[in-house]
C-alpha atoms as a PDB file:
ATOM      1  CA  MET A   1     -25.993 -21.178 -31.145  1.00  0.00           C
ATOM      2  CA  LEU A   2     -23.287 -21.962 -28.715  1.00  0.00           C
ATOM      3  CA  ARG A   3     -20.396 -22.423 -31.011  1.00  0.00           C
ATOM      4  CA  ARG A   4     -20.494 -18.677 -32.078  1.00  0.00           C
ATOM      5  CA  LEU A   5     -19.527 -17.870 -28.544  1.00  0.00           C
ATOM      6  CA  GLY A   6     -16.073 -19.223 -28.979  1.00  0.00           C
ATOM      7  CA  GLY A   7     -15.666 -16.820 -32.499  1.00  0.00           C
ATOM      8  CA  VAL A   8     -16.665 -13.727 -30.599  1.00  0.00           C
ATOM      9  CA  SER A   9     -13.868 -11.165 -31.505  1.00  0.00           C
ATOM     10  CA  VAL A  10     -14.692  -7.890 -30.171  1.00  0.00           C
ATOM     11  CA  LEU A  11     -14.548  -7.708 -26.180  1.00  0.00           C
ATOM     12  CA  VAL A  12     -15.684  -5.923 -23.506  1.00  0.00           C
ATOM     13  CA  ALA A  13     -14.594  -5.552 -19.806  1.00  0.00           C
ATOM     14  CA  GLY A  14     -14.911  -3.742 -16.695  1.00  0.00           C
ATOM     15  CA  LEU A  15     -11.747  -3.774 -14.202  1.00  0.00           C
ATOM     16  CA  SER A  16     -12.467  -4.980 -10.673  1.00  0.00           C
ATOM     17  CA  LEU A  17      -9.945  -4.114  -8.015  1.00  0.00           C
ATOM     18  CA  THR A  18      -9.521  -6.930  -5.609  1.00  0.00           C
ATOM     19  CA  PRO A  19      -7.507  -6.268  -2.360  1.00  0.00           C
ATOM     20  CA  LEU A  20      -3.599  -7.943  -2.414  1.00  0.00           C
ATOM     21  CA  THR A  21      -3.164 -10.802   0.008  1.00  0.00           C
ATOM     22  CA  ALA A  22      -0.977  -9.362   3.038  1.00  0.00           C
ATOM     23  CA  THR A  23       2.584 -10.438   2.890  1.00  0.00           C
ATOM     24  CA  THR A  24       4.803 -10.986   6.025  1.00  0.00           C
ATOM     25  CA  ALA A  25       7.933  -8.327   5.967  1.00  0.00           C
ATOM     26  CA  GLN A  26      11.098  -9.594   7.108  1.00  0.00           C
ATOM     27  CA  ALA A  27      13.790  -7.496   8.488  1.00  0.00           C
ATOM     28  CA  VAL A  28      17.191  -7.545   6.874  1.00  0.00           C
ATOM     29  CA  PRO A  29      20.589  -5.958   8.101  1.00  0.00           C
ATOM     30  CA  THR A  30      22.045  -2.891   6.490  1.00  0.00           C
ATOM     31  CA  GLY A  31      25.132  -1.124   6.315  1.00  0.00           C
ATOM     32  CA  ALA A  32      28.744  -2.170   6.969  1.00  0.00           C
ATOM     33  CA  GLU A  33      28.222  -2.463  10.512  1.00  0.00           C
ATOM     34  CA  GLY A  34      25.107  -4.555  10.443  1.00  0.00           C
ATOM     35  CA  GLY A  35      22.818  -1.357  11.521  1.00  0.00           C
ATOM     36  CA  ALA A  36      19.552  -1.729  13.142  1.00  0.00           C
ATOM     37  CA  LEU A  37      16.641  -3.681  12.174  1.00  0.00           C
ATOM     38  CA  ALA A  38      13.464  -2.301  10.929  1.00  0.00           C
ATOM     39  CA  THR A  39      10.147  -3.545  12.238  1.00  0.00           C
ATOM     40  CA  ALA A  40       7.379  -4.791   9.901  1.00  0.00           C
ATOM     41  CA  ALA A  41       5.330  -2.003  10.641  1.00  0.00           C
ATOM     42  CA  ASP A  42       8.270   0.369   9.283  1.00  0.00           C
ATOM     43  CA  CYS A  43       8.432  -1.926   6.184  1.00  0.00           C
ATOM     44  CA  GLN A  44       5.309  -0.128   4.472  1.00  0.00           C
ATOM     45  CA  PHE A  45       5.310   1.772   1.125  1.00  0.00           C
ATOM     46  CA  THR A  46       3.012   2.714  -1.428  1.00  0.00           C
ATOM     47  CA  PRO A  47       1.588   1.242  -3.972  1.00  0.00           C
ATOM     48  CA  ARG A  48       2.069  -2.235  -3.657  1.00  0.00           C
ATOM     49  CA  SER A  49       1.081  -3.284  -7.019  1.00  0.00           C
ATOM     50  CA  VAL A  50       0.420  -2.400 -10.451  1.00  0.00           C
ATOM     51  CA  VAL A  51      -1.609  -3.788 -13.661  1.00  0.00           C
ATOM     52  CA  LEU A  52      -0.429  -3.488 -16.996  1.00  0.00           C
ATOM     53  CA  LYS A  53      -2.376  -3.628 -20.036  1.00  0.00           C
ATOM     54  CA  GLY A  54      -1.356  -1.955 -23.438  1.00  0.00           C
ATOM     55  CA  ARG A  55      -0.754   1.722 -22.051  1.00  0.00           C
ATOM     56  CA  PRO A  56       2.333   2.635 -19.958  1.00  0.00           C
ATOM     57  CA  ILE A  57       1.271   3.368 -16.204  1.00  0.00           C
ATOM     58  CA  SER A  58       3.307   5.870 -13.935  1.00  0.00           C
ATOM     59  CA  LEU A  59       3.396   5.364 -10.242  1.00  0.00           C
ATOM     60  CA  LYS A  60       4.306   7.762  -7.604  1.00  0.00           C
ATOM     61  CA  PHE A  61       6.229   5.803  -4.814  1.00  0.00           C
ATOM     62  CA  SER A  62       6.153   6.694  -1.021  1.00  0.00           C
ATOM     63  CA  VAL A  63       7.041   5.483   2.361  1.00  0.00           C
ATOM     64  CA  PRO A  64       4.765   6.817   4.931  1.00  0.00           C
ATOM     65  CA  ASP A  65       6.248   9.075   7.834  1.00  0.00           C
ATOM     66  CA  ALA A  66       9.520   9.046   6.288  1.00  0.00           C
ATOM     67  CA  THR A  67      11.562  11.982   4.688  1.00  0.00           C
ATOM     68  CA  ASP A  68      15.063   9.858   4.137  1.00  0.00           C
ATOM     69  CA  TRP A  69      13.737   6.886   2.232  1.00  0.00           C
ATOM     70  CA  GLY A  70      14.097   4.313  -0.822  1.00  0.00           C
ATOM     71  CA  VAL A  71      12.162   1.640  -2.476  1.00  0.00           C
ATOM     72  CA  LYS A  72      13.875  -0.829  -4.555  1.00  0.00           C
ATOM     73  CA  ILE A  73      12.336  -3.407  -6.585  1.00  0.00           C
ATOM     74  CA  PRO A  74      15.327  -4.823  -8.716  1.00  0.00           C
ATOM     75  CA  ASP A  75      13.318  -7.389 -11.045  1.00  0.00           C
ATOM     76  CA  LEU A  76      11.061  -4.610 -12.191  1.00  0.00           C
ATOM     77  CA  GLY A  77      13.978  -1.817 -12.365  1.00  0.00           C
ATOM     78  CA  VAL A  78      12.311   0.369  -9.470  1.00  0.00           C
ATOM     79  CA  ASP A  79      14.953   2.604  -7.416  1.00  0.00           C
ATOM     80  CA  ALA A  80      12.442   5.128  -5.752  1.00  0.00           C
ATOM     81  CA  ALA A  81      13.583   7.957  -3.461  1.00  0.00           C
ATOM     82  CA  PRO A  82      12.441  11.292  -2.497  1.00  0.00           C
ATOM     83  CA  GLY A  83      14.141  12.777  -5.368  1.00  0.00           C
ATOM     84  CA  ARG A  84      13.164   9.966  -7.642  1.00  0.00           C
ATOM     85  CA  ARG A  85       9.794   8.493  -6.847  1.00  0.00           C
ATOM     86  CA  VAL A  86       8.264   8.192 -10.013  1.00  0.00           C
ATOM     87  CA  LYS A  87       8.397   5.181 -12.377  1.00  0.00           C
ATOM     88  CA  THR A  88       6.960   4.420 -15.454  1.00  0.00           C
ATOM     89  CA  PHE A  89       5.769   0.760 -16.194  1.00  0.00           C
ATOM     90  CA  GLN A  90       5.539  -0.399 -19.785  1.00  0.00           C
ATOM     91  CA  ALA A  91       4.136  -3.943 -20.632  1.00  0.00           C
ATOM     92  CA  LYS A  92       6.559  -4.050 -23.464  1.00  0.00           C
ATOM     93  CA  ALA A  93       9.653  -3.818 -21.067  1.00  0.00           C
ATOM     94  CA  TYR A  94       8.511  -7.123 -19.214  1.00  0.00           C
ATOM     95  CA  GLN A  95       7.782 -10.705 -20.029  1.00  0.00           C
ATOM     96  CA  ASN A  96       4.486 -12.572 -19.095  1.00  0.00           C
ATOM     97  CA  SER A  97       6.644 -14.649 -16.871  1.00  0.00           C
ATOM     98  CA  ASP A  98       7.055 -11.455 -14.785  1.00  0.00           C
ATOM     99  CA  ALA A  99       3.807 -11.502 -13.450  1.00  0.00           C
ATOM    100  CA  GLY A 100       3.462 -12.460  -9.704  1.00  0.00           C
ATOM    101  CA  LEU A 101       5.260 -11.262  -6.592  1.00  0.00           C
ATOM    102  CA  HIS A 102       8.512  -9.510  -6.646  1.00  0.00           C
ATOM    103  CA  GLN A 103      11.031  -8.977  -3.684  1.00  0.00           C
ATOM    104  CA  ALA A 104      11.354  -5.134  -2.548  1.00  0.00           C
ATOM    105  CA  THR A 105      13.640  -3.570  -0.211  1.00  0.00           C
ATOM    106  CA  VAL A 106      12.457  -0.828   1.684  1.00  0.00           C
ATOM    107  CA  LYS A 107      14.823   1.778   3.359  1.00  0.00           C
ATOM    108  CA  ARG A 108      14.051   4.249   6.273  1.00  0.00           C
ATOM    109  CA  GLY A 109      17.223   6.361   6.996  1.00  0.00           C
ATOM    110  CA  THR A 110      20.066   3.842   8.124  1.00  0.00           C
ATOM    111  CA  GLU A 111      17.271   0.702   8.641  1.00  0.00           C
ATOM    112  CA  SER A 112      15.872  -1.416   5.759  1.00  0.00           C
ATOM    113  CA  CYS A 113      13.722  -4.527   5.485  1.00  0.00           C
ATOM    114  CA  ALA A 114      12.258  -6.842   2.813  1.00  0.00           C
ATOM    115  CA  SER A 115       8.701  -6.667   1.426  1.00  0.00           C
ATOM    116  CA  SER A 116       7.041  -7.302  -1.770  1.00  0.00           C
ATOM    117  CA  PHE A 117       5.465  -5.835  -5.270  1.00  0.00           C
ATOM    118  CA  ARG A 118       2.976  -7.610  -7.260  1.00  0.00           C
ATOM    119  CA  LEU A 119       2.589  -6.993 -10.805  1.00  0.00           C
ATOM    120  CA  ARG A 120      -0.285  -8.327 -12.506  1.00  0.00           C
ATOM    121  CA  ARG A 121      -1.896  -8.406 -16.316  1.00  0.00           C
ATOM    122  CA  GLY A 122      -4.986  -6.975 -17.015  1.00  0.00           C
ATOM    123  CA  SER A 123      -7.917  -9.049 -18.152  1.00  0.00           C
ATOM    124  CA  LEU A 124     -10.969  -8.637 -20.321  1.00  0.00           C
ATOM    125  CA  VAL A 125     -14.355 -10.696 -19.988  1.00  0.00           C
ATOM    126  CA  THR A 126     -16.935 -10.759 -22.717  1.00  0.00           C
ATOM    127  CA  LEU A 127     -20.650 -11.851 -22.237  1.00  0.00           C
ATOM    128  CA  LEU A 128     -23.320 -12.758 -24.327  1.00  0.00           C
ATOM    129  CA  VAL A 129     -26.702 -13.834 -23.648  1.00  0.00           C
ATOM    130  CA  THR A 130     -29.252 -15.666 -26.213  1.00  0.00           C
ATOM    131  CA  HIS A 131     -32.881 -17.178 -25.782  1.00  0.00           C
ATOM    132  CA  LYS A 132     -34.320 -20.486 -26.937  1.00  0.00           C
ATOM    133  CA  HIS A 133     -37.534 -21.138 -25.173  1.00  0.00           C
ATOM    134  CA  PRO A 134     -37.542 -22.240 -22.467  1.00  0.00           C
ATOM    135  CA  TYR A 135     -33.874 -21.996 -21.923  1.00  0.00           C
ATOM    136  CA  ARG A 136     -31.106 -18.789 -21.822  1.00  0.00           C
ATOM    137  CA  PHE A 137     -27.721 -19.485 -22.804  1.00  0.00           C
ATOM    138  CA  VAL A 138     -25.028 -17.190 -20.951  1.00  0.00           C
ATOM    139  CA  GLY A 139     -21.510 -17.329 -22.414  1.00  0.00           C
ATOM    140  CA  GLY A 140     -18.413 -15.398 -23.252  1.00  0.00           C
ATOM    141  CA  ALA A 141     -14.580 -15.458 -23.190  1.00  0.00           C
ATOM    142  CA  VAL A 142     -11.807 -14.367 -20.607  1.00  0.00           C
ATOM    143  CA  LEU A 143      -8.836 -12.757 -22.146  1.00  0.00           C
ATOM    144  CA  ARG A 144      -5.631 -11.116 -20.483  1.00  0.00           C
ATOM    145  CA  PHE A 145      -3.114  -8.644 -21.782  1.00  0.00           C
ATOM    146  CA  ASN A 146       0.408  -9.869 -23.038  1.00  0.00           C
ATOM    147  CA  LEU A 147       3.640  -8.504 -21.766  1.00  0.00           C
ATOM    148  CA  GLY A 148       6.324  -8.134 -23.932  1.00  0.00           C
ATOM    149  CA  LYS A 149       7.373  -6.492 -27.187  1.00  0.00           C
ATOM    150  CA  GLU A 150       4.641  -8.384 -29.399  1.00  0.00           C
ATOM    151  CA  GLY A 151       1.807  -7.144 -26.643  1.00  0.00           C
ATOM    152  CA  GLY A 152      -1.881  -7.978 -27.569  1.00  0.00           C
ATOM    153  CA  ARG A 153      -4.439 -10.240 -25.712  1.00  0.00           C
ATOM    154  CA  SER A 154      -4.637 -14.237 -25.343  1.00  0.00           C
ATOM    155  CA  THR A 155      -7.356 -16.095 -24.392  1.00  0.00           C
ATOM    156  CA  LEU A 156      -7.183 -17.688 -20.563  1.00  0.00           C
ATOM    157  CA  ALA A 157      -7.941 -21.128 -20.135  1.00  0.00           C
ATOM    158  CA  GLY A 158      -9.000 -22.689 -16.586  1.00  0.00           C
ATOM    159  CA  ALA A 159     -10.018 -19.323 -15.405  1.00  0.00           C
ATOM    160  CA  ARG A 160     -12.802 -19.319 -12.720  1.00  0.00           C
ATOM    161  CA  VAL A 161     -15.857 -17.157 -13.735  1.00  0.00           C
ATOM    162  CA  ALA A 162     -18.931 -16.305 -11.700  1.00  0.00           C
ATOM    163  CA  ILE A 163     -22.182 -15.651 -13.675  1.00  0.00           C
ATOM    164  CA  GLN A 164     -24.382 -13.424 -11.821  1.00  0.00           C
ATOM    165  CA  ARG A 165     -27.921 -12.185 -12.477  1.00  0.00           C
ATOM    166  CA  LYS A 166     -29.470  -8.792 -10.975  1.00  0.00           C
ATOM    167  CA  THR A 167     -31.853  -8.727  -8.371  1.00  0.00           C
ATOM    168  CA  LYS A 168     -33.632  -5.974  -6.198  1.00  0.00           C
ATOM    169  CA  ASN A 169     -31.112  -6.833  -3.573  1.00  0.00           C
ATOM    170  CA  GLY A 170     -28.024  -6.839  -5.776  1.00  0.00           C
ATOM    171  CA  TRP A 171     -25.980  -9.442  -7.835  1.00  0.00           C
ATOM    172  CA  VAL A 172     -26.655 -12.986  -7.022  1.00  0.00           C
ATOM    173  CA  THR A 173     -24.192 -15.677  -8.097  1.00  0.00           C
ATOM    174  CA  GLU A 174     -26.227 -18.341 -10.389  1.00  0.00           C
ATOM    175  CA  LYS A 175     -23.357 -20.489 -11.647  1.00  0.00           C
ATOM    176  CA  ASN A 176     -19.644 -20.736 -11.468  1.00  0.00           C
ATOM    177  CA  LEU A 177     -17.749 -21.898 -14.479  1.00  0.00           C
ATOM    178  CA  THR A 178     -14.226 -22.499 -15.927  1.00  0.00           C
ATOM    179  CA  THR A 179     -13.427 -21.532 -19.099  1.00  0.00           C
ATOM    180  CA  ASN A 180     -12.308 -24.514 -21.640  1.00  0.00           C
ATOM    181  CA  LYS A 181      -8.837 -24.635 -23.496  1.00  0.00           C
ATOM    182  CA  LYS A 182     -10.084 -21.819 -26.017  1.00  0.00           C
ATOM    183  CA  GLY A 183     -10.737 -19.632 -23.058  1.00  0.00           C
ATOM    184  CA  VAL A 184     -14.768 -19.729 -23.400  1.00  0.00           C
ATOM    185  CA  PHE A 185     -17.362 -20.139 -20.876  1.00  0.00           C
ATOM    186  CA  VAL A 186     -20.914 -21.111 -21.471  1.00  0.00           C
ATOM    187  CA  SER A 187     -24.174 -22.003 -19.264  1.00  0.00           C
ATOM    188  CA  ARG A 188     -27.377 -22.917 -19.885  1.00  0.00           C
ATOM    189  CA  VAL A 189     -30.179 -21.621 -17.197  1.00  0.00           C
ATOM    190  CA  LYS A 190     -34.029 -22.310 -17.152  1.00  0.00           C
ATOM    191  CA  ILE A 191     -35.066 -18.931 -15.950  1.00  0.00           C
ATOM    192  CA  GLY A 192     -36.961 -15.830 -16.881  1.00  0.00           C
ATOM    193  CA  LYS A 193     -35.853 -12.507 -18.489  1.00  0.00           C
ATOM    194  CA  ARG A 194     -32.590 -11.241 -16.250  1.00  0.00           C
ATOM    195  CA  THR A 195     -29.736  -9.032 -16.574  1.00  0.00           C
ATOM    196  CA  TRP A 196     -26.554 -10.713 -16.374  1.00  0.00           C
ATOM    197  CA  ARG A 197     -22.668 -10.091 -15.966  1.00  0.00           C
ATOM    198  CA  ALA A 198     -19.949 -12.305 -15.523  1.00  0.00           C
ATOM    199  CA  VAL A 199     -17.193 -11.887 -12.882  1.00  0.00           C
ATOM    200  CA  PHE A 200     -13.548 -13.089 -13.259  1.00  0.00           C
ATOM    201  CA  ALA A 201     -11.440 -12.728  -9.725  1.00  0.00           C
ATOM    202  CA  SER A 202      -8.259 -11.759  -9.711  1.00  0.00           C
ATOM    203  CA  THR A 203      -5.283 -14.534  -9.172  1.00  0.00           C
ATOM    204  CA  SER A 204      -1.714 -14.157  -8.477  1.00  0.00           C
ATOM    205  CA  THR A 205      -0.736 -13.189 -11.789  1.00  0.00           C
ATOM    206  CA  THR A 206      -3.957 -11.565 -13.604  1.00  0.00           C
ATOM    207  CA  ALA A 207      -6.051  -8.672 -12.370  1.00  0.00           C
ATOM    208  CA  GLY A 208      -9.702  -9.559 -12.242  1.00  0.00           C
ATOM    209  CA  SER A 209     -12.384  -8.029 -14.403  1.00  0.00           C
ATOM    210  CA  ILE A 210     -16.111  -7.576 -14.717  1.00  0.00           C
ATOM    211  CA  SER A 211     -18.107  -7.708 -17.910  1.00  0.00           C
ATOM    212  CA  ARG A 212     -20.731  -5.392 -19.219  1.00  0.00           C
ATOM    213  CA  GLU A 213     -24.285  -5.853 -17.987  1.00  0.00           C
ATOM    214  CA  ALA A 214     -26.289  -7.914 -20.734  1.00  0.00           C
ATOM    215  CA  ALA A 215     -29.800  -8.904 -21.388  1.00  0.00           C
ATOM    216  CA  ASP A 216     -31.438 -11.232 -23.688  1.00  0.00           C
ATOM    217  CA  GLU A 217     -30.359 -11.441 -27.298  1.00  0.00           C
ATOM    218  CA  THR A 218     -28.043  -8.404 -26.487  1.00  0.00           C
ATOM    219  CA  GLU A 219     -24.197  -8.361 -27.322  1.00  0.00           C
ATOM    220  CA  PHE A 220     -21.932  -5.502 -25.968  1.00  0.00           C
ATOM    221  CA  LYS A 221     -19.001  -4.571 -28.022  1.00  0.00           C
ATOM    222  CA  ASP A 222     -15.685  -2.936 -27.063  1.00  0.00           C
ATOM    223  CA  LEU A 223     -15.365  -0.272 -29.363  1.00  0.00           C
END
């Protein structure tokens, strides 16, 4: 019963958005004369992150309360300004190693400062629940989208997954598991019939996701 969990070929997932960890902006001099230094509060811009899967994503950059501004993220090819603020991100234009935090420069008039922007790879979580008295087996796999021309998805080993059951007061974590080298997780629970889900939290390079809800002997498929 357990072996077939590693062979699941069709996957499902829901996307869970997790707030980014704040980074401290550092002021840097600008202009030939050195110029004034912008404060950390002036270094804000939106958006601060992107999650790449298979489809291109277009983001509209902006600097709050500024008419003369610019946002540059050299590693990712971003050079935004009021007249050219939209950037289309395509997974095939990057490599897996590009996932993570990238240096950004924010300009407001004659002042500029250093900030950051995060690129994450999207993820998918499957969930399968089976019943063999007196136990129930809850398991599945974690995969993430690949960047680069080849694209596709690959399993994620060492991923932390929370197995949660639904209660009248909301979702409760039953167990925390780690995927094996094949990206598979499985747990045996001695508990009555419940509705389950699996939650993979975001990491510095991979966006988190939540599986579909599953009950006994039910397998949801990503059609």
